[in-house]
């Protein structure tokens, strides 16, 4: 941000936003939240590598499914669901 921020004010704002999105989830489901993630994500349509334990999955980030899993399109054109891992932009 280029300026000093109070930890307390950042924490309060974070919890306010979490409450807002939790209410959206309760009232409208996950779809509006997923749509916002697609709009603001820096990984959409970019190639990523995800380390899931000993397995490494590479592919193009195609979005997030209805459960919150990352969808990757691998080198064979197959969709892969990734529910956990450390992601790295390639």
Protein backbone atom coordinates (compact mmCIF):
# COMPACT_ATOMS: atom_id res chain seq x y z
CA UNK A 1 0.00 0.00 0.00
CA UNK A 2 2.98 2.27 0.38
CA UNK A 3 1.97 3.32 3.90
CA UNK A 4 2.02 1.98 7.43
CA UNK A 5 -1.10 0.14 8.52
CA UNK A 6 -2.28 -0.78 11.97
CA UNK A 7 -2.40 -4.55 12.53
CA UNK A 8 -5.64 -4.06 14.40
CA UNK A 9 -7.33 -2.15 11.55
CA UNK A 10 -6.18 -4.75 9.01
CA UNK A 11 -7.46 -7.57 11.23
CA UNK A 12 -10.81 -5.83 11.74
CA UNK A 13 -11.21 -5.25 7.99
CA UNK A 14 -10.26 -8.87 7.26
CA UNK A 15 -12.89 -10.20 9.66
CA UNK A 16 -15.50 -7.79 8.29
CA UNK A 17 -14.85 -9.10 4.78
CA UNK A 18 -14.91 -12.71 5.96
CA UNK A 19 -18.28 -12.05 7.60
CA UNK A 20 -19.59 -10.45 4.42
CA UNK A 21 -18.57 -13.41 2.28
CA UNK A 22 -19.82 -15.92 4.85
CA UNK A 23 -23.25 -14.26 4.69
CA UNK A 24 -23.16 -14.37 0.88
CA UNK A 25 -22.28 -18.06 1.10
CA UNK A 26 -25.14 -18.76 3.52
CA UNK A 27 -27.71 -16.84 1.48
CA UNK A 28 -26.59 -17.45 -2.11
CA UNK A 29 -24.19 -20.40 -2.03
CA UNK A 30 -20.64 -20.59 -3.30
CA UNK A 31 -21.26 -19.48 -6.91
CA UNK A 32 -21.03 -15.68 -6.34
CA UNK A 33 -17.83 -16.12 -4.34
CA UNK A 34 -16.34 -18.40 -7.01
CA UNK A 35 -17.25 -15.86 -9.70
CA UNK A 36 -15.45 -13.10 -7.78
CA UNK A 37 -12.42 -15.37 -7.34
CA UNK A 38 -12.34 -15.92 -11.11
CA UNK A 39 -12.54 -12.16 -11.68
CA UNK A 40 -9.72 -11.25 -9.29
CA UNK A 41 -7.43 -14.27 -9.44
CA UNK A 42 -3.98 -13.80 -10.87
CA UNK A 43 -3.69 -17.43 -11.94
CA UNK A 44 -6.62 -17.86 -14.32
CA UNK A 45 -5.45 -19.26 -17.67
CA UNK A 46 -1.83 -19.27 -16.50
CA UNK A 47 0.38 -22.32 -16.15
CA UNK A 48 1.00 -23.49 -12.63
CA UNK A 49 2.72 -26.30 -10.81
CA UNK A 50 1.12 -27.67 -7.66
CA UNK A 51 3.03 -29.85 -5.22
CA UNK A 52 0.68 -32.21 -3.36
CA UNK A 53 2.94 -34.19 -1.07
CA UNK A 54 5.21 -36.23 -3.35
CA UNK A 55 3.05 -35.59 -6.44
CA UNK A 56 3.60 -32.56 -8.68
CA UNK A 57 0.79 -31.56 -11.04
CA UNK A 58 1.36 -29.08 -13.86
CA UNK A 59 -1.24 -27.44 -16.03
CA UNK A 60 -3.23 -24.38 -16.98
CA UNK A 61 -5.45 -23.00 -14.23
CA UNK A 62 -8.99 -23.22 -15.58
CA UNK A 63 -10.90 -22.09 -12.52
CA UNK A 64 -12.37 -23.30 -9.28
CA UNK A 65 -15.16 -25.86 -9.12
CA UNK A 66 -18.27 -25.80 -6.92
CA UNK A 67 -16.34 -27.31 -4.00
CA UNK A 68 -13.47 -24.81 -4.15
CA UNK A 69 -10.99 -27.19 -5.81
CA UNK A 70 -8.59 -25.71 -8.35
CA UNK A 71 -9.19 -27.08 -11.85
CA UNK A 72 -6.07 -27.60 -13.95
CA UNK A 73 -5.93 -28.65 -17.58
CA UNK A 74 -2.88 -30.93 -17.84
CA UNK A 75 -0.61 -31.51 -20.84
CA UNK A 76 -2.96 -34.21 -22.19
CA UNK A 77 -5.95 -31.84 -22.07
CA UNK A 78 -7.43 -33.66 -19.08
CA UNK A 79 -9.09 -31.77 -16.23
CA UNK A 80 -7.47 -32.35 -12.84
CA UNK A 81 -9.01 -31.30 -9.52
CA UNK A 82 -6.54 -30.06 -6.94
CA UNK A 83 -7.91 -29.73 -3.43
CA UNK A 84 -4.67 -28.95 -1.60
CA UNK A 85 -1.06 -28.18 -2.36
CA UNK A 86 1.56 -25.50 -2.82
CA UNK A 87 1.06 -23.68 -6.12
CA UNK A 88 3.72 -21.92 -8.15
CA UNK A 89 3.18 -19.82 -11.28
CA UNK A 90 5.31 -21.08 -14.16
